[in-house]
Amino acid sequence: MKILFVTPYITSSCHPIFLRNQTGFGYMVHDIAQYVAQTDNVDLFVPMAFTPDMDVDGFHVVGRSKWELLKNLKLNNLIDGLKFNLKYPQSLKDSLRTLYIFASIGQIERMLNQYDIVHIHGCSAITDAVIKACQRKNIPFVITLHGLNSFEKATKLHESLCRYERDFLKEAVANHYFVSFISTGNKITAEVSTGMKADRFSVIYNGCNVQRKPMTEDIRKEYGIALGDFVFAFVGNVSVNKNQIQVARTWGLLSDDLRPKCKVLFVGKYKDDDELVQYIRDNHLENNLILCGMQPKDRVPAFYQACDATILTSITEGFGLSIIEGFVYGKPNVTFADLPATRDLFDEKAMVAVRNRIDTSLANAMASVITTSFDDTYITSYAQRFSFDHMKEKYRELYKTIIQEL
């Protein structure tokens, strides 16, 4: 098969522009492309990035330039963009950006007939633009939603784009689009929101590198953590949605015998004005609640090796990759039972799921993990079901189903 991926961005060191957004989404789209490309021909197009043609980790990045943009300007794409802006009005700057996105799709619309299927990632103006181009060319497509953004107040998304996401879900059901979700929880939320039966919605879990990397550095020594201390690792960029602040507050509720020996490593990008950063500094908790900052992807496993458990307290979470990455190293996890990801990941021998979001309940769960002995061999074995290879095969099966049906 020859497959075209279209995505707002990827995270990769192959070009400086792909390091502007270092997120789980960016890494995951890159990884899906990389693994699908092991057996199929994959091109990847990023409408907002000017890059040369490049071969990256087995897949091909379709180059973009100002000349390619101008050469492929099409009236149809501009009309699509104007209609989108009229239906989902934003600021003038964002509206112009949206029009630019639709104009950019002219480049790949000219090429679509060479592909067996188009794989669109995320729900944005790009999604609408590519669907319309595929429909004009009669090319099969599938959309993967890596999360849902319009159902949580903590998500920073313009009201118009929240409305587009909900409208898209209804359109997808009514028009029988193939849509994959990364968790059962997200799929159920999407189906309930439409009030209709979705016959082409499916779930494909994100993959993870389930091969352990050898320990090459001592993170505990680097941060001055004693051998007998219990360490939680919270991996993810600091944000309102990731909700690291609740862990910081809750740490203070641990009992006097547990709290002094409990450390939390916050691994991810942060800003000095983040609530978490201010809370830690104002209360002089730097020795126990440790801000590690953004880490290179290949260094993150060292933090899993160093910790005793992972913790994730997001407001919403499509999949929770850090949970699985911790499992690979035999580390149990604490998270909330109501996260969309928990339904698919939960195993009582590997996780403690907090039944409500009260700080004291989270503190009890953290204490339970600290004082419970987990079987790290079992947890590592459990992680194998979330491998990249398994994910790749599920996507390939979906592609084949779509191509055969259409």
Protein backbone atom coordinates (compact mmCIF):
# COMPACT_ATOMS: atom_id res chain seq x y z
CA MET A 1 0.00 0.00 0.00
CA LYS A 2 0.99 3.60 -0.53
CA ILE A 3 -0.25 5.80 2.32
CA LEU A 4 -0.24 9.56 2.81
CA PHE A 5 -0.15 10.85 6.37
CA VAL A 6 -1.37 14.43 6.90
CA THR A 7 -0.73 15.98 10.30
CA PRO A 8 -0.42 19.45 11.91
CA TYR A 9 3.14 18.54 12.95
CA ILE A 10 5.49 15.79 14.04
CA THR A 11 8.23 15.87 16.64
CA SER A 12 11.58 14.85 15.20
CA SER A 13 15.18 16.02 15.18
CA CYS A 14 15.33 15.57 11.39
CA HIS A 15 14.59 19.28 10.85
CA PRO A 16 14.53 22.27 13.25
CA ILE A 17 10.91 23.08 12.40
CA PHE A 18 9.84 19.66 13.72
CA LEU A 19 11.31 20.50 17.14
CA ARG A 20 9.03 23.50 17.65
CA ASN A 21 6.30 21.29 19.10
CA GLN A 22 7.74 18.61 21.36
CA THR A 23 4.60 16.79 22.48
CA GLY A 24 3.27 13.27 22.88
CA PHE A 25 1.10 13.82 19.80
CA GLY A 26 4.09 14.86 17.70
CA TYR A 27 6.19 11.90 18.78
CA MET A 28 3.32 9.45 18.30
CA VAL A 29 2.45 10.51 14.74
CA HIS A 30 6.14 10.16 13.88
CA ASP A 31 6.22 6.68 15.45
CA ILE A 32 3.07 5.50 13.68
CA ALA A 33 4.53 6.63 10.35
CA GLN A 34 7.86 4.97 11.14
CA TYR A 35 6.36 1.60 12.02
CA VAL A 36 3.75 1.49 9.24
CA ALA A 37 6.60 2.31 6.85
CA GLN A 38 8.32 -0.93 7.82
CA THR A 39 5.86 -2.79 5.57
CA ASP A 40 4.24 -0.08 3.41
CA ASN A 41 5.19 3.04 1.48
CA VAL A 42 4.46 6.09 3.67
CA ASP A 43 4.62 9.76 2.70
CA LEU A 44 3.97 12.46 5.31
CA PHE A 45 2.72 15.99 4.65
CA VAL A 46 2.74 18.85 7.16
CA PRO A 47 0.73 21.78 5.73
CA MET A 48 2.31 24.41 7.98
CA ALA A 49 6.00 23.47 7.60
CA PHE A 50 8.36 24.52 4.83
CA THR A 51 10.89 21.70 4.51
CA PRO A 52 12.83 19.97 1.72
CA ASP A 53 11.90 16.48 0.57
CA MET A 54 13.38 14.18 3.21
CA ASP A 55 13.55 10.52 4.05
CA VAL A 56 13.08 10.15 7.80
CA ASP A 57 13.18 6.85 9.72
CA GLY A 58 11.77 4.87 6.82
CA PHE A 59 9.07 7.30 5.65
CA HIS A 60 9.21 10.25 3.26
CA VAL A 61 8.42 13.85 4.20
CA VAL A 62 6.83 15.65 1.25
CA GLY A 63 8.76 18.89 0.82
CA ARG A 64 7.03 22.26 0.84
CA SER A 65 8.16 25.66 -0.42
CA LYS A 66 6.60 29.02 -1.19
CA TRP A 67 6.82 28.15 -4.87
CA GLU A 68 4.94 24.86 -4.31
CA LEU A 69 2.28 26.77 -2.38
CA LEU A 70 1.78 29.37 -5.12
CA LYS A 71 2.01 26.84 -7.96
CA ASN A 72 -0.74 24.68 -6.44
CA LEU A 73 -3.20 27.35 -5.35
CA LYS A 74 -6.67 26.16 -6.30
CA LEU A 75 -9.97 28.01 -6.14
CA ASN A 76 -11.71 24.97 -4.63
CA ASN A 77 -9.35 24.94 -1.64
CA LEU A 78 -9.75 28.68 -1.02
CA ILE A 79 -13.55 28.41 -1.21
CA ASP A 80 -13.42 25.53 1.30
CA GLY A 81 -11.36 27.73 3.61
CA LEU A 82 -13.73 30.70 3.32
CA LYS A 83 -16.72 28.47 4.11
CA PHE A 84 -14.89 27.06 7.15
CA ASN A 85 -14.09 30.55 8.43
CA LEU A 86 -17.69 31.70 7.97
CA LYS A 87 -19.02 28.70 9.90
CA TYR A 88 -16.32 28.71 12.59
CA PRO A 89 -15.24 32.35 13.02
CA GLN A 90 -12.04 33.14 14.91
CA SER A 91 -9.73 36.15 15.21
CA LEU A 92 -8.50 37.71 11.97
CA LYS A 93 -5.02 36.20 12.52
CA ASP A 94 -6.39 32.70 13.08
CA SER A 95 -8.83 33.02 10.17
CA LEU A 96 -5.97 33.94 7.83
CA ARG A 97 -3.98 31.00 9.18
CA THR A 98 -6.93 28.72 8.45
CA LEU A 99 -7.22 30.06 4.90
CA TYR A 100 -3.49 29.39 4.46
CA ILE A 101 -3.98 25.78 5.63
CA PHE A 102 -6.70 25.18 3.06
CA ALA A 103 -4.54 26.77 0.34
CA SER A 104 -1.65 24.46 1.30
CA ILE A 105 -3.76 21.36 0.66
CA GLY A 106 -3.71 22.16 -3.08
CA GLN A 107 -0.23 20.66 -3.25
CA ILE A 108 -1.30 17.20 -2.08
CA GLU A 109 -4.70 17.28 -3.80
CA ARG A 110 -2.76 17.28 -7.06
CA MET A 111 -0.94 14.11 -5.91
CA LEU A 112 -3.77 12.18 -4.25
CA ASN A 113 -4.39 9.72 -7.08
CA GLN A 114 -1.03 8.06 -6.42
CA TYR A 115 -2.11 6.96 -2.92
CA ASP A 116 -4.23 4.01 -1.82
CA ILE A 117 -5.42 5.81 1.32
CA VAL A 118 -4.93 9.06 3.24
CA HIS A 119 -4.44 8.95 7.03
CA ILE A 120 -5.39 12.25 8.72
CA HIS A 121 -4.25 12.92 12.28
CA GLY A 122 -6.20 15.14 14.66
CA CYS A 123 -9.35 17.21 14.37
CA SER A 124 -8.69 20.68 13.00
CA ALA A 125 -9.10 22.82 9.90
CA ILE A 126 -6.55 20.50 8.29
CA THR A 127 -8.96 17.60 8.77
CA ASP A 128 -11.80 19.42 7.02
CA ALA A 129 -9.53 20.56 4.17
CA VAL A 130 -8.10 17.10 3.48
CA ILE A 131 -11.48 15.33 3.69
CA LYS A 132 -12.90 17.67 1.05
CA ALA A 133 -9.87 17.13 -1.19
CA CYS A 134 -10.16 13.32 -0.82
CA GLN A 135 -13.86 13.43 -1.63
CA ARG A 136 -13.20 15.39 -4.83
CA LYS A 137 -10.58 12.85 -5.88
CA ASN A 138 -12.54 9.82 -4.61
CA ILE A 139 -9.60 8.68 -2.45
CA PRO A 140 -10.27 6.63 0.73
CA PHE A 141 -9.32 8.27 4.03
CA VAL A 142 -9.27 7.58 7.75
CA ILE A 143 -9.02 10.02 10.64
CA THR A 144 -7.23 9.20 13.89
CA LEU A 145 -8.27 11.31 16.87
CA HIS A 146 -5.49 11.30 19.48
CA GLY A 147 -7.83 12.82 22.03
CA LEU A 148 -10.98 14.90 22.30
CA ASN A 149 -10.56 18.61 22.99
CA SER A 150 -14.10 19.97 23.20
CA PHE A 151 -15.38 18.08 26.25
CA GLU A 152 -13.15 19.55 28.96
CA LYS A 153 -13.05 23.13 30.21
CA ALA A 154 -9.31 22.83 30.90
CA THR A 155 -8.56 22.36 27.20
CA LYS A 156 -7.36 25.62 25.66
CA LEU A 157 -9.18 25.50 22.35
CA HIS A 158 -11.12 28.29 20.68
CA GLU A 159 -14.87 27.95 21.12
CA SER A 160 -15.38 27.77 17.36
CA LEU A 161 -12.92 24.88 17.03
CA CYS A 162 -14.60 23.07 19.91
CA ARG A 163 -17.83 23.38 17.97
CA TYR A 164 -16.09 22.10 14.85
CA GLU A 165 -14.91 18.97 16.68
CA ARG A 166 -18.45 18.18 17.83
CA ASP A 167 -19.84 18.92 14.38
CA PHE A 168 -17.15 16.73 12.84
CA LEU A 169 -18.13 13.77 15.03
CA LYS A 170 -21.76 14.09 13.90
CA GLU A 171 -20.66 14.45 10.28
CA ALA A 172 -18.43 11.38 10.63
CA VAL A 173 -21.29 9.22 11.90
CA ALA A 174 -23.82 10.53 9.39
CA ASN A 175 -21.44 10.08 6.44
CA HIS A 176 -19.90 6.81 7.67
CA TYR A 177 -16.33 8.09 7.89
CA PHE A 178 -13.74 5.69 9.25
CA VAL A 179 -12.48 7.20 12.51
CA SER A 180 -10.05 5.56 14.92
CA PHE A 181 -9.57 6.55 18.55
CA ILE A 182 -6.66 5.78 20.84
CA SER A 183 -8.87 4.75 23.76
CA THR A 184 -12.27 3.18 24.33
CA GLY A 185 -13.18 6.06 26.63
CA ASN A 186 -12.72 8.60 23.84
CA LYS A 187 -14.72 6.45 21.44
CA ILE A 188 -17.63 6.15 23.88
CA THR A 189 -17.59 9.91 24.57
CA ALA A 190 -17.65 10.60 20.83
CA GLU A 191 -20.53 8.18 20.20
CA VAL A 192 -22.61 9.53 23.08
CA SER A 193 -22.07 13.13 21.91
CA THR A 194 -23.56 12.41 18.50
CA GLY A 195 -26.65 10.60 19.76
CA MET A 196 -26.28 8.24 16.79
CA LYS A 197 -24.90 4.75 16.20
CA ALA A 198 -21.37 4.93 14.78
CA ASP A 199 -20.72 1.96 12.50
CA ARG A 200 -17.18 2.91 11.48
CA PHE A 201 -15.61 4.09 14.73
CA SER A 202 -12.81 1.87 16.07
CA VAL A 203 -10.09 1.83 18.73
CA ILE A 204 -6.38 1.33 18.06
CA TYR A 205 -4.15 1.78 21.08
CA ASN A 206 -0.98 3.83 20.77
CA GLY A 207 2.19 1.81 20.67
CA CYS A 208 5.28 1.97 22.80
CA ASN A 209 8.86 0.74 22.58
CA VAL A 210 8.52 -2.29 24.86
CA GLN A 211 12.24 -3.10 24.75
CA ARG A 212 14.06 -1.90 27.85
CA LYS A 213 17.05 0.33 27.33
CA PRO A 214 20.12 -0.40 29.46
CA MET A 215 20.77 1.94 32.36
CA THR A 216 23.56 4.33 31.35
CA GLU A 217 23.13 7.11 33.93
CA ASP A 218 22.05 7.46 37.55
CA ILE A 219 19.17 9.94 37.75
CA ARG A 220 18.86 9.51 41.51
CA LYS A 221 22.47 10.52 41.98
CA GLU A 222 22.02 13.48 39.61
CA TYR A 223 19.15 14.86 41.69
CA GLY A 224 20.53 13.88 45.11
CA ILE A 225 17.87 11.27 45.88
CA ALA A 226 18.69 8.70 48.54
CA LEU A 227 18.52 5.00 47.70
CA GLY A 228 15.75 4.43 50.25
CA ASP A 229 13.51 7.26 49.02
CA PHE A 230 10.34 6.46 47.06
CA VAL A 231 10.21 8.27 43.72
CA PHE A 232 7.17 9.04 41.56
CA ALA A 233 7.83 10.13 37.96
CA PHE A 234 5.29 12.43 36.29
CA VAL A 235 6.24 12.55 32.60
CA GLY A 236 4.57 15.24 30.50
CA ASN A 237 4.84 18.94 29.75
CA VAL A 238 3.46 21.05 32.58
CA SER A 239 -0.03 22.29 31.72
CA VAL A 240 -3.47 22.90 33.15
CA ASN A 241 -4.72 19.70 31.52
CA LYS A 242 -1.85 17.53 32.81
CA ASN A 243 -2.76 18.86 36.27
CA GLN A 244 0.63 18.37 37.92
CA ILE A 245 -0.37 20.96 40.52
CA GLN A 246 -2.72 18.47 42.18
CA VAL A 247 0.17 16.06 42.78
CA ALA A 248 2.18 18.87 44.34
CA ARG A 249 -0.69 19.76 46.66
CA THR A 250 -1.39 16.15 47.48
CA TRP A 251 2.23 15.39 48.38
CA GLY A 252 1.70 17.64 51.41
CA LEU A 253 -1.16 15.41 52.58
CA LEU A 254 0.98 12.29 52.87
CA SER A 255 1.59 11.11 56.42
CA ASP A 256 4.61 12.39 58.33
CA ASP A 257 6.37 9.04 58.01
CA LEU A 258 5.93 8.84 54.21
CA ARG A 259 6.24 12.45 53.07
CA PRO A 260 9.94 13.15 53.86
CA LYS A 261 11.09 10.12 51.88
CA CYS A 262 8.74 10.66 48.92
CA LYS A 263 10.06 12.52 45.88
CA VAL A 264 8.25 13.48 42.66
CA LEU A 265 10.18 14.03 39.43
CA PHE A 266 8.26 16.32 37.05
CA VAL A 267 9.75 15.48 33.65
CA GLY A 268 8.62 17.92 30.98
CA LYS A 269 8.74 21.48 29.76
CA TYR A 270 7.63 24.20 32.16
CA LYS A 271 7.53 27.99 32.36
CA ASP A 272 8.50 30.11 35.35
CA ASP A 273 4.96 31.47 35.69
CA ASP A 274 3.29 28.03 35.76
CA GLU A 275 1.18 27.46 38.87
CA LEU A 276 3.16 24.31 39.67
CA VAL A 277 6.49 26.14 39.54
CA GLN A 278 5.24 28.99 41.74
CA TYR A 279 3.74 26.56 44.25
CA ILE A 280 6.98 24.60 44.61
CA ARG A 281 9.14 27.70 44.93
CA ASP A 282 6.79 29.59 47.27
CA ASN A 283 6.67 26.61 49.62
CA HIS A 284 10.39 25.74 49.27
CA LEU A 285 9.69 22.18 48.18
CA GLU A 286 12.43 21.92 45.56
CA ASN A 287 14.13 19.01 47.35
CA ASN A 288 11.04 16.80 47.19
CA LEU A 289 9.08 18.10 44.17
CA ILE A 290 11.77 18.26 41.53
CA LEU A 291 11.35 20.11 38.23
CA CYS A 292 13.45 18.24 35.67
CA GLY A 293 12.42 20.24 32.62
CA MET A 294 12.22 19.07 29.02
CA GLN A 295 14.35 15.98 28.39
CA PRO A 296 15.52 14.46 25.10
CA LYS A 297 13.29 11.54 24.14
CA ASP A 298 16.13 9.04 24.39
CA ARG A 299 16.90 10.16 27.97
CA VAL A 300 13.37 9.77 29.36
CA PRO A 301 13.79 6.00 29.97
CA ALA A 302 16.46 6.85 32.56
CA PHE A 303 13.75 8.55 34.63
CA TYR A 304 11.55 5.45 34.43
CA GLN A 305 14.52 3.37 35.58
CA ALA A 306 15.10 5.72 38.51
CA CYS A 307 11.52 5.92 39.77
CA ASP A 308 9.50 3.45 41.84
CA ALA A 309 6.16 4.35 40.22
CA THR A 310 4.65 6.72 37.67
CA ILE A 311 1.78 9.08 38.31
CA LEU A 312 -0.63 10.79 35.90
CA THR A 313 -3.39 13.14 37.06
CA SER A 314 -4.58 14.72 33.82
CA ILE A 315 -8.00 16.33 33.52
CA THR A 316 -8.41 14.25 30.38
CA GLU A 317 -6.03 11.86 28.63
CA GLY A 318 -6.54 10.05 25.36
CA PHE A 319 -4.12 7.24 26.09
CA GLY A 320 -1.53 7.97 28.77
CA LEU A 321 1.66 6.81 27.06
CA SER A 322 3.78 7.49 30.15
CA ILE A 323 1.81 4.81 31.99
CA ILE A 324 2.82 2.16 29.44
CA GLU A 325 6.39 3.43 29.25
CA GLY A 326 6.60 3.01 33.01
CA PHE A 327 5.18 -0.52 32.73
CA VAL A 328 8.04 -1.44 30.36
CA TYR A 329 10.42 -0.86 33.28
CA GLY A 330 8.17 -2.71 35.73
CA LYS A 331 6.85 0.43 37.42
CA PRO A 332 3.25 0.63 38.72
CA ASN A 333 1.07 3.68 38.12
CA VAL A 334 -1.35 5.94 39.98
CA THR A 335 -4.04 7.67 37.93
CA PHE A 336 -7.73 8.56 37.98
CA ALA A 337 -10.37 5.94 37.22
CA ASP A 338 -12.41 8.35 35.08
CA LEU A 339 -9.67 9.08 32.53
CA PRO A 340 -10.62 7.79 29.06
CA ALA A 341 -7.30 5.93 28.98
CA THR A 342 -7.82 4.02 32.23
CA ARG A 343 -10.49 1.69 30.85
CA ASP A 344 -8.00 0.22 28.36
CA LEU A 345 -4.87 0.23 30.52
CA PHE A 346 -6.09 -0.83 33.95
CA ASP A 347 -4.78 -3.94 35.63
CA GLU A 348 -5.05 -4.23 39.41
CA LYS A 349 -1.57 -5.78 39.54
CA ALA A 350 -0.06 -2.76 37.80
CA MET A 351 -2.17 0.27 38.67
CA VAL A 352 -4.04 2.06 41.42
CA ALA A 353 -7.04 3.92 39.99
CA VAL A 354 -8.41 6.75 42.15
CA ARG A 355 -12.22 6.65 42.18
CA ASN A 356 -12.66 10.40 42.61
CA ARG A 357 -10.54 13.52 42.15
CA ILE A 358 -10.35 14.65 45.78
CA ASP A 359 -6.83 15.39 47.01
CA THR A 360 -7.16 13.11 50.03
CA SER A 361 -8.20 10.20 47.81
CA LEU A 362 -5.17 10.78 45.58
CA ALA A 363 -2.97 10.92 48.70
CA ASN A 364 -4.36 7.58 49.86
CA ALA A 365 -3.62 6.07 46.44
CA MET A 366 -0.05 7.39 46.49
CA ALA A 367 0.41 5.96 50.00
CA SER A 368 -0.99 2.62 48.83
CA VAL A 369 1.57 2.42 46.02
CA ILE A 370 4.40 3.42 48.34
CA THR A 371 3.53 0.70 50.86
CA THR A 372 2.55 -2.10 48.43
CA SER A 373 4.94 -4.57 46.83
CA PHE A 374 4.31 -4.93 43.08
CA ASP A 375 5.60 -7.70 40.82
CA ASP A 376 7.79 -5.83 38.34
CA THR A 377 8.17 -8.92 36.12
CA TYR A 378 4.39 -9.15 35.71
CA ILE A 379 4.11 -5.43 34.94
CA THR A 380 6.83 -5.62 32.29
CA SER A 381 5.11 -8.61 30.70
CA TYR A 382 1.78 -6.75 30.73
CA ALA A 383 3.34 -3.88 28.76
CA GLN A 384 4.04 -6.17 25.79
CA ARG A 385 0.43 -5.96 24.57
CA PHE A 386 0.98 -2.27 23.78
CA SER A 387 3.93 -2.72 21.41
CA PHE A 388 4.54 -0.65 18.28
CA ASP A 389 4.35 -3.83 16.21
CA HIS A 390 0.86 -4.61 17.52
CA MET A 391 -0.24 -1.01 16.80
CA LYS A 392 1.21 -1.19 13.28
CA GLU A 393 -0.70 -4.36 12.43
CA LYS A 394 -3.98 -2.88 13.67
CA TYR A 395 -3.55 0.17 11.43
CA ARG A 396 -2.68 -2.00 8.45
CA GLU A 397 -5.80 -4.12 9.04
CA LEU A 398 -7.88 -0.94 9.17
CA TYR A 399 -6.36 0.41 5.93
CA LYS A 400 -7.12 -2.85 4.13
CA THR A 401 -10.71 -2.88 5.40
CA ILE A 402 -11.29 0.70 4.20
CA ILE A 403 -9.75 0.11 0.78
CA GLN A 404 -11.80 -3.07 0.27
CA GLU A 405 -15.07 -1.45 1.32
CA LEU A 406 -14.76 1.73 -0.74
